[in-house]
Amino acid sequence: MSSLARLQWQCRRGLKELDLLLLDYMTSEYLVADSIEKGLFIELLKLEDDKLVDSILENRTIDRHDLIPLIEKIKARSLNSIQ
């Protein structure tokens, strides 16, 4: 399995809304991101599902402050695609 296919698999979390946000970021932004942002996305995917839901869908702050800009970027993409 390629590294991109593995990441796509990791984006599938079982909550449709979360899956869509993560996969949308991966197919649009991840591919053109710099190595630092790619590393942060990989770290984000290591979070437990409840932490991902809290940080992305529930707008709660997480302990990993280094991931907050990426989370905000993912949320902003979602809002822009709705408008």
PDB file of N, CA and C in Angstrom:
ATOM      1  N   MET A   1       0.855  -1.180   0.000  1.00  0.00           N
ATOM      2  CA  MET A   1       0.000   0.000   0.000  1.00  0.00           C
ATOM      3  C   MET A   1       0.893   1.233   0.000  1.00  0.00           C
ATOM      4  N   SER A   2       0.612   2.177  -0.893  1.00  0.00           N
ATOM      5  CA  SER A   2       1.413   3.393  -0.964  1.00  0.00           C
ATOM      6  C   SER A   2       1.144   4.273   0.248  1.00  0.00           C
ATOM      7  N   SER A   3       2.037   5.218   0.473  1.00  0.00           N
ATOM      8  CA  SER A   3       1.873   6.099   1.630  1.00  0.00           C
ATOM      9  C   SER A   3       0.620   6.960   1.495  1.00  0.00           C
ATOM     10  N   LEU A   4       0.281   7.389   0.278  1.00  0.00           N
ATOM     11  CA  LEU A   4      -0.950   8.170   0.085  1.00  0.00           C
ATOM     12  C   LEU A   4      -2.187   7.319   0.342  1.00  0.00           C
ATOM     13  N   ALA A   5      -2.173   6.097  -0.116  1.00  0.00           N
ATOM     14  CA  ALA A   5      -3.312   5.203   0.126  1.00  0.00           C
ATOM     15  C   ALA A   5      -3.461   4.933   1.621  1.00  0.00           C
ATOM     16  N   ARG A   6      -2.350   4.797   2.306  1.00  0.00           N
ATOM     17  CA  ARG A   6      -2.385   4.578   3.756  1.00  0.00           C
ATOM     18  C   ARG A   6      -2.978   5.793   4.466  1.00  0.00           C
ATOM     19  N   LEU A   7      -2.579   6.988   4.045  1.00  0.00           N
ATOM     20  CA  LEU A   7      -3.133   8.203   4.637  1.00  0.00           C
ATOM     21  C   LEU A   7      -4.630   8.326   4.352  1.00  0.00           C
ATOM     22  N   GLN A   8      -5.042   7.999   3.137  1.00  0.00           N
ATOM     23  CA  GLN A   8      -6.468   8.038   2.819  1.00  0.00           C
ATOM     24  C   GLN A   8      -7.241   7.082   3.723  1.00  0.00           C
ATOM     25  N   TRP A   9      -6.680   5.930   3.963  1.00  0.00           N
ATOM     26  CA  TRP A   9      -7.315   4.953   4.854  1.00  0.00           C
ATOM     27  C   TRP A   9      -7.414   5.525   6.273  1.00  0.00           C
ATOM     28  N   GLN A  10      -6.377   6.201   6.728  1.00  0.00           N
ATOM     29  CA  GLN A  10      -6.380   6.784   8.068  1.00  0.00           C
ATOM     30  C   GLN A  10      -7.374   7.937   8.184  1.00  0.00           C
ATOM     31  N   CYS A  11      -7.722   8.559   7.075  1.00  0.00           N
ATOM     32  CA  CYS A  11      -8.708   9.643   7.091  1.00  0.00           C
ATOM     33  C   CYS A  11     -10.118   9.109   7.326  1.00  0.00           C
ATOM     34  N   ARG A  12     -10.322   7.843   7.109  1.00  0.00           N
ATOM     35  CA  ARG A  12     -11.641   7.246   7.291  1.00  0.00           C
ATOM     36  C   ARG A  12     -11.811   6.886   8.762  1.00  0.00           C
ATOM     37  N   ARG A  13     -12.595   7.698   9.460  1.00  0.00           N
ATOM     38  CA  ARG A  13     -12.717   7.562  10.908  1.00  0.00           C
ATOM     39  C   ARG A  13     -14.053   7.000  11.347  1.00  0.00           C
ATOM     40  N   GLY A  14     -15.004   6.832  10.451  1.00  0.00           N
ATOM     41  CA  GLY A  14     -16.291   6.264  10.822  1.00  0.00           C
ATOM     42  C   GLY A  14     -17.362   7.299  11.103  1.00  0.00           C
ATOM     43  N   LEU A  15     -17.004   8.551  11.107  1.00  0.00           N
ATOM     44  CA  LEU A  15     -17.974   9.631  11.249  1.00  0.00           C
ATOM     45  C   LEU A  15     -17.955  10.395   9.932  1.00  0.00           C
ATOM     46  N   LYS A  16     -19.030  10.317   9.197  1.00  0.00           N
ATOM     47  CA  LYS A  16     -19.050  10.815   7.820  1.00  0.00           C
ATOM     48  C   LYS A  16     -18.553  12.247   7.687  1.00  0.00           C
ATOM     49  N   GLU A  17     -19.003  13.132   8.569  1.00  0.00           N
ATOM     50  CA  GLU A  17     -18.602  14.531   8.481  1.00  0.00           C
ATOM     51  C   GLU A  17     -17.090  14.683   8.635  1.00  0.00           C
ATOM     52  N   LEU A  18     -16.532  13.974   9.593  1.00  0.00           N
ATOM     53  CA  LEU A  18     -15.090  14.026   9.830  1.00  0.00           C
ATOM     54  C   LEU A  18     -14.334  13.415   8.656  1.00  0.00           C
ATOM     55  N   ASP A  19     -14.815  12.285   8.174  1.00  0.00           N
ATOM     56  CA  ASP A  19     -14.187  11.637   7.016  1.00  0.00           C
ATOM     57  C   ASP A  19     -14.120  12.590   5.828  1.00  0.00           C
ATOM     58  N   LEU A  20     -15.233  13.276   5.553  1.00  0.00           N
ATOM     59  CA  LEU A  20     -15.278  14.185   4.412  1.00  0.00           C
ATOM     60  C   LEU A  20     -14.294  15.337   4.556  1.00  0.00           C
ATOM     61  N   LEU A  21     -14.205  15.900   5.754  1.00  0.00           N
ATOM     62  CA  LEU A  21     -13.270  17.008   5.978  1.00  0.00           C
ATOM     63  C   LEU A  21     -11.826  16.564   5.792  1.00  0.00           C
ATOM     64  N   LEU A  22     -11.478  15.438   6.380  1.00  0.00           N
ATOM     65  CA  LEU A  22     -10.091  14.953   6.293  1.00  0.00           C
ATOM     66  C   LEU A  22      -9.737  14.560   4.866  1.00  0.00           C
ATOM     67  N   LEU A  23     -10.638  13.859   4.191  1.00  0.00           N
ATOM     68  CA  LEU A  23     -10.356  13.445   2.815  1.00  0.00           C
ATOM     69  C   LEU A  23     -10.305  14.635   1.869  1.00  0.00           C
ATOM     70  N   ASP A  24     -11.151  15.635   2.107  1.00  0.00           N
ATOM     71  CA  ASP A  24     -11.119  16.833   1.284  1.00  0.00           C
ATOM     72  C   ASP A  24      -9.769  17.538   1.425  1.00  0.00           C
ATOM     73  N   TYR A  25      -9.303  17.688   2.655  1.00  0.00           N
ATOM     74  CA  TYR A  25      -7.993  18.308   2.864  1.00  0.00           C
ATOM     75  C   TYR A  25      -6.916  17.490   2.159  1.00  0.00           C
ATOM     76  N   MET A  26      -6.973  16.195   2.338  1.00  0.00           N
ATOM     77  CA  MET A  26      -5.919  15.354   1.779  1.00  0.00           C
ATOM     78  C   MET A  26      -5.857  15.436   0.256  1.00  0.00           C
ATOM     79  N   THR A  27      -7.008  15.417  -0.383  1.00  0.00           N
ATOM     80  CA  THR A  27      -6.999  15.415  -1.848  1.00  0.00           C
ATOM     81  C   THR A  27      -6.745  16.784  -2.450  1.00  0.00           C
ATOM     82  N   SER A  28      -6.902  17.835  -1.658  1.00  0.00           N
ATOM     83  CA  SER A  28      -6.712  19.173  -2.229  1.00  0.00           C
ATOM     84  C   SER A  28      -5.484  19.898  -1.687  1.00  0.00           C
ATOM     85  N   GLU A  29      -5.268  19.857  -0.405  1.00  0.00           N
ATOM     86  CA  GLU A  29      -4.204  20.642   0.212  1.00  0.00           C
ATOM     87  C   GLU A  29      -2.942  19.829   0.536  1.00  0.00           C
ATOM     88  N   TYR A  30      -3.120  18.614   0.982  1.00  0.00           N
ATOM     89  CA  TYR A  30      -1.973  17.810   1.413  1.00  0.00           C
ATOM     90  C   TYR A  30      -0.964  17.621   0.285  1.00  0.00           C
ATOM     91  N   LEU A  31      -1.461  17.387  -0.893  1.00  0.00           N
ATOM     92  CA  LEU A  31      -0.575  17.090  -2.019  1.00  0.00           C
ATOM     93  C   LEU A  31       0.347  18.255  -2.373  1.00  0.00           C
ATOM     94  N   VAL A  32      -0.055  19.485  -2.057  1.00  0.00           N
ATOM     95  CA  VAL A  32       0.769  20.651  -2.364  1.00  0.00           C
ATOM     96  C   VAL A  32       1.380  21.282  -1.109  1.00  0.00           C
ATOM     97  N   ALA A  33       1.144  20.673   0.039  1.00  0.00           N
ATOM     98  CA  ALA A  33       1.660  21.209   1.308  1.00  0.00           C
ATOM     99  C   ALA A  33       3.168  20.999   1.409  1.00  0.00           C
ATOM    100  N   ASP A  34       3.801  21.842   2.219  1.00  0.00           N
ATOM    101  CA  ASP A  34       5.228  21.643   2.471  1.00  0.00           C
ATOM    102  C   ASP A  34       5.412  20.479   3.456  1.00  0.00           C
ATOM    103  N   SER A  35       6.643  20.089   3.645  1.00  0.00           N
ATOM    104  CA  SER A  35       6.924  18.903   4.471  1.00  0.00           C
ATOM    105  C   SER A  35       6.493  19.096   5.923  1.00  0.00           C
ATOM    106  N   ILE A  36       6.552  20.314   6.425  1.00  0.00           N
ATOM    107  CA  ILE A  36       6.133  20.571   7.809  1.00  0.00           C
ATOM    108  C   ILE A  36       4.631  20.339   7.949  1.00  0.00           C
ATOM    109  N   GLU A  37       3.857  20.889   7.031  1.00  0.00           N
ATOM    110  CA  GLU A  37       2.403  20.713   7.102  1.00  0.00           C
ATOM    111  C   GLU A  37       2.020  19.249   6.899  1.00  0.00           C
ATOM    112  N   LYS A  38       2.714  18.571   5.995  1.00  0.00           N
ATOM    113  CA  LYS A  38       2.442  17.143   5.800  1.00  0.00           C
ATOM    114  C   LYS A  38       2.694  16.369   7.092  1.00  0.00           C
ATOM    115  N   GLY A  39       3.774  16.688   7.772  1.00  0.00           N
ATOM    116  CA  GLY A  39       4.072  16.041   9.042  1.00  0.00           C
ATOM    117  C   GLY A  39       3.018  16.323  10.090  1.00  0.00           C
ATOM    118  N   LEU A  40       2.513  17.556  10.120  1.00  0.00           N
ATOM    119  CA  LEU A  40       1.455  17.913  11.066  1.00  0.00           C
ATOM    120  C   LEU A  40       0.166  17.157  10.762  1.00  0.00           C
ATOM    121  N   PHE A  41      -0.141  16.966   9.484  1.00  0.00           N
ATOM    122  CA  PHE A  41      -1.338  16.211   9.113  1.00  0.00           C
ATOM    123  C   PHE A  41      -1.214  14.760   9.569  1.00  0.00           C
ATOM    124  N   ILE A  42      -0.043  14.197   9.402  1.00  0.00           N
ATOM    125  CA  ILE A  42       0.184  12.826   9.860  1.00  0.00           C
ATOM    126  C   ILE A  42       0.013  12.741  11.374  1.00  0.00           C
ATOM    127  N   GLU A  43       0.517  13.731  12.086  1.00  0.00           N
ATOM    128  CA  GLU A  43       0.342  13.779  13.542  1.00  0.00           C
ATOM    129  C   GLU A  43      -1.130  13.940  13.906  1.00  0.00           C
ATOM    130  N   LEU A  44      -1.847  14.760  13.157  1.00  0.00           N
ATOM    131  CA  LEU A  44      -3.275  14.954  13.398  1.00  0.00           C
ATOM    132  C   LEU A  44      -4.028  13.635  13.272  1.00  0.00           C
ATOM    133  N   LEU A  45      -3.678  12.848  12.265  1.00  0.00           N
ATOM    134  CA  LEU A  45      -4.352  11.571  12.055  1.00  0.00           C
ATOM    135  C   LEU A  45      -4.047  10.555  13.153  1.00  0.00           C
ATOM    136  N   LYS A  46      -3.022  10.798  13.939  1.00  0.00           N
ATOM    137  CA  LYS A  46      -2.690   9.903  15.053  1.00  0.00           C
ATOM    138  C   LYS A  46      -3.576  10.139  16.269  1.00  0.00           C
ATOM    139  N   LEU A  47      -4.294  11.266  16.273  1.00  0.00           N
ATOM    140  CA  LEU A  47      -5.171  11.560  17.406  1.00  0.00           C
ATOM    141  C   LEU A  47      -6.329  10.569  17.444  1.00  0.00           C
ATOM    142  N   GLU A  48      -6.825  10.329  18.633  1.00  0.00           N
ATOM    143  CA  GLU A  48      -7.996   9.472  18.787  1.00  0.00           C
ATOM    144  C   GLU A  48      -9.208  10.173  18.184  1.00  0.00           C
ATOM    145  N   ASP A  49     -10.176   9.397  17.765  1.00  0.00           N
ATOM    146  CA  ASP A  49     -11.356   9.944  17.097  1.00  0.00           C
ATOM    147  C   ASP A  49     -12.050  11.018  17.916  1.00  0.00           C
ATOM    148  N   ASP A  50     -12.203  10.787  19.219  1.00  0.00           N
ATOM    149  CA  ASP A  50     -12.908  11.778  20.038  1.00  0.00           C
ATOM    150  C   ASP A  50     -12.169  13.112  20.069  1.00  0.00           C
ATOM    151  N   LYS A  51     -10.842  13.083  20.063  1.00  0.00           N
ATOM    152  CA  LYS A  51     -10.053  14.328  20.035  1.00  0.00           C
ATOM    153  C   LYS A  51     -10.210  15.036  18.690  1.00  0.00           C
ATOM    154  N   LEU A  52     -10.238  14.262  17.604  1.00  0.00           N
ATOM    155  CA  LEU A  52     -10.438  14.854  16.276  1.00  0.00           C
ATOM    156  C   LEU A  52     -11.813  15.507  16.175  1.00  0.00           C
ATOM    157  N   VAL A  53     -12.815  14.811  16.631  1.00  0.00           N
ATOM    158  CA  VAL A  53     -14.171  15.362  16.604  1.00  0.00           C
ATOM    159  C   VAL A  53     -14.232  16.632  17.437  1.00  0.00           C
ATOM    160  N   ASP A  54     -13.672  16.579  18.644  1.00  0.00           N
ATOM    161  CA  ASP A  54     -13.675  17.755  19.518  1.00  0.00           C
ATOM    162  C   ASP A  54     -12.995  18.944  18.859  1.00  0.00           C
ATOM    163  N   SER A  55     -11.849  18.712  18.249  1.00  0.00           N
ATOM    164  CA  SER A  55     -11.069  19.827  17.712  1.00  0.00           C
ATOM    165  C   SER A  55     -11.600  20.346  16.379  1.00  0.00           C
ATOM    166  N   ILE A  56     -12.089  19.464  15.521  1.00  0.00           N
ATOM    167  CA  ILE A  56     -12.514  19.893  14.200  1.00  0.00           C
ATOM    168  C   ILE A  56     -14.004  20.216  14.148  1.00  0.00           C
ATOM    169  N   LEU A  57     -14.824  19.370  14.701  1.00  0.00           N
ATOM    170  CA  LEU A  57     -16.271  19.559  14.586  1.00  0.00           C
ATOM    171  C   LEU A  57     -16.883  20.320  15.758  1.00  0.00           C
ATOM    172  N   GLU A  58     -16.300  20.181  16.929  1.00  0.00           N
ATOM    173  CA  GLU A  58     -16.877  20.809  18.118  1.00  0.00           C
ATOM    174  C   GLU A  58     -16.182  22.116  18.503  1.00  0.00           C
ATOM    175  N   ASN A  59     -15.140  22.480  17.759  1.00  0.00           N
ATOM    176  CA  ASN A  59     -14.388  23.717  18.013  1.00  0.00           C
ATOM    177  C   ASN A  59     -13.793  23.797  19.415  1.00  0.00           C
ATOM    178  N   ARG A  60     -13.392  22.682  19.948  1.00  0.00           N
ATOM    179  CA  ARG A  60     -12.738  22.683  21.252  1.00  0.00           C
ATOM    180  C   ARG A  60     -11.231  22.685  21.054  1.00  0.00           C
ATOM    181  N   THR A  61     -10.533  23.354  21.948  1.00  0.00           N
ATOM    182  CA  THR A  61      -9.081  23.423  21.871  1.00  0.00           C
ATOM    183  C   THR A  61      -8.477  22.116  22.363  1.00  0.00           C
ATOM    184  N   ILE A  62      -7.428  21.687  21.682  1.00  0.00           N
ATOM    185  CA  ILE A  62      -6.734  20.466  22.091  1.00  0.00           C
ATOM    186  C   ILE A  62      -5.387  20.836  22.684  1.00  0.00           C
ATOM    187  N   ASP A  63      -4.767  19.855  23.326  1.00  0.00           N
ATOM    188  CA  ASP A  63      -3.470  20.069  23.965  1.00  0.00           C
ATOM    189  C   ASP A  63      -2.343  20.282  22.962  1.00  0.00           C
ATOM    190  N   ARG A  64      -2.505  19.779  21.756  1.00  0.00           N
ATOM    191  CA  ARG A  64      -1.468  19.891  20.730  1.00  0.00           C
ATOM    192  C   ARG A  64      -1.604  21.226  20.012  1.00  0.00           C
ATOM    193  N   HIS A  65      -1.045  22.255  20.606  1.00  0.00           N
ATOM    194  CA  HIS A  65      -1.163  23.603  20.050  1.00  0.00           C
ATOM    195  C   HIS A  65      -0.512  23.732  18.681  1.00  0.00           C
ATOM    196  N   ASP A  66       0.463  22.869  18.381  1.00  0.00           N
ATOM    197  CA  ASP A  66       1.108  22.919  17.071  1.00  0.00           C
ATOM    198  C   ASP A  66       0.160  22.496  15.944  1.00  0.00           C
ATOM    199  N   LEU A  67      -0.915  21.790  16.289  1.00  0.00           N
ATOM    200  CA  LEU A  67      -1.863  21.328  15.278  1.00  0.00           C
ATOM    201  C   LEU A  67      -3.000  22.314  15.022  1.00  0.00           C
ATOM    202  N   ILE A  68      -3.134  23.312  15.871  1.00  0.00           N
ATOM    203  CA  ILE A  68      -4.257  24.245  15.767  1.00  0.00           C
ATOM    204  C   ILE A  68      -4.305  24.975  14.421  1.00  0.00           C
ATOM    205  N   PRO A  69      -3.192  25.506  13.893  1.00  0.00           N
ATOM    206  CA  PRO A  69      -3.279  26.169  12.576  1.00  0.00           C
ATOM    207  C   PRO A  69      -3.770  25.225  11.464  1.00  0.00           C
ATOM    208  N   LEU A  70      -3.347  23.985  11.499  1.00  0.00           N
ATOM    209  CA  LEU A  70      -3.799  23.021  10.495  1.00  0.00           C
ATOM    210  C   LEU A  70      -5.284  22.726  10.668  1.00  0.00           C
ATOM    211  N   ILE A  71      -5.731  22.579  11.891  1.00  0.00           N
ATOM    212  CA  ILE A  71      -7.149  22.340  12.158  1.00  0.00           C
ATOM    213  C   ILE A  71      -7.973  23.517  11.648  1.00  0.00           C
ATOM    214  N   GLU A  72      -7.497  24.717  11.898  1.00  0.00           N
ATOM    215  CA  GLU A  72      -8.198  25.913  11.410  1.00  0.00           C
ATOM    216  C   GLU A  72      -8.240  25.934   9.888  1.00  0.00           C
ATOM    217  N   LYS A  73      -7.179  25.511   9.245  1.00  0.00           N
ATOM    218  CA  LYS A  73      -7.139  25.465   7.782  1.00  0.00           C
ATOM    219  C   LYS A  73      -8.158  24.460   7.248  1.00  0.00           C
ATOM    220  N   ILE A  74      -8.245  23.304   7.887  1.00  0.00           N
ATOM    221  CA  ILE A  74      -9.206  22.278   7.473  1.00  0.00           C
ATOM    222  C   ILE A  74     -10.633  22.799   7.645  1.00  0.00           C
ATOM    223  N   LYS A  75     -10.907  23.451   8.765  1.00  0.00           N
ATOM    224  CA  LYS A  75     -12.238  24.006   9.001  1.00  0.00           C
ATOM    225  C   LYS A  75     -12.556  25.126   8.006  1.00  0.00           C
ATOM    226  N   ALA A  76     -11.587  25.957   7.699  1.00  0.00           N
ATOM    227  CA  ALA A  76     -11.796  27.070   6.761  1.00  0.00           C
ATOM    228  C   ALA A  76     -12.110  26.530   5.371  1.00  0.00           C
ATOM    229  N   ARG A  77     -11.441  25.465   4.944  1.00  0.00           N
ATOM    230  CA  ARG A  77     -11.731  24.850   3.648  1.00  0.00           C
ATOM    231  C   ARG A  77     -13.168  24.387   3.599  1.00  0.00           C
ATOM    232  N   SER A  78     -13.615  23.819   4.699  1.00  0.00           N
ATOM    233  CA  SER A  78     -14.989  23.325   4.779  1.00  0.00           C
ATOM    234  C   SER A  78     -15.987  24.474   4.632  1.00  0.00           C
ATOM    235  N   LEU A  79     -15.740  25.563   5.347  1.00  0.00           N
ATOM    236  CA  LEU A  79     -16.635  26.707   5.272  1.00  0.00           C
ATOM    237  C   LEU A  79     -16.635  27.324   3.871  1.00  0.00           C
ATOM    238  N   ASN A  80     -15.469  27.385   3.236  1.00  0.00           N
ATOM    239  CA  ASN A  80     -15.371  27.968   1.894  1.00  0.00           C
ATOM    240  C   ASN A  80     -16.083  27.112   0.861  1.00  0.00           C
ATOM    241  N   SER A  81     -16.067  25.805   1.037  1.00  0.00           N
ATOM    242  CA  SER A  81     -16.710  24.932   0.062  1.00  0.00           C
ATOM    243  C   SER A  81     -18.229  24.976   0.186  1.00  0.00           C
ATOM    244  N   ILE A  82     -18.736  25.354   1.362  1.00  0.00           N
ATOM    245  CA  ILE A  82     -20.180  25.459   1.566  1.00  0.00           C
ATOM    246  C   ILE A  82     -20.714  26.717   0.909  1.00  0.00           C
ATOM    247  N   GLN A  83     -19.931  27.787   0.932  1.00  0.00           N
ATOM    248  CA  GLN A  83     -20.398  29.087   0.426  1.00  0.00           C
ATOM    249  C   GLN A  83     -20.377  29.171  -1.065  1.00  0.00           C
TER     250      GLN A  83
END
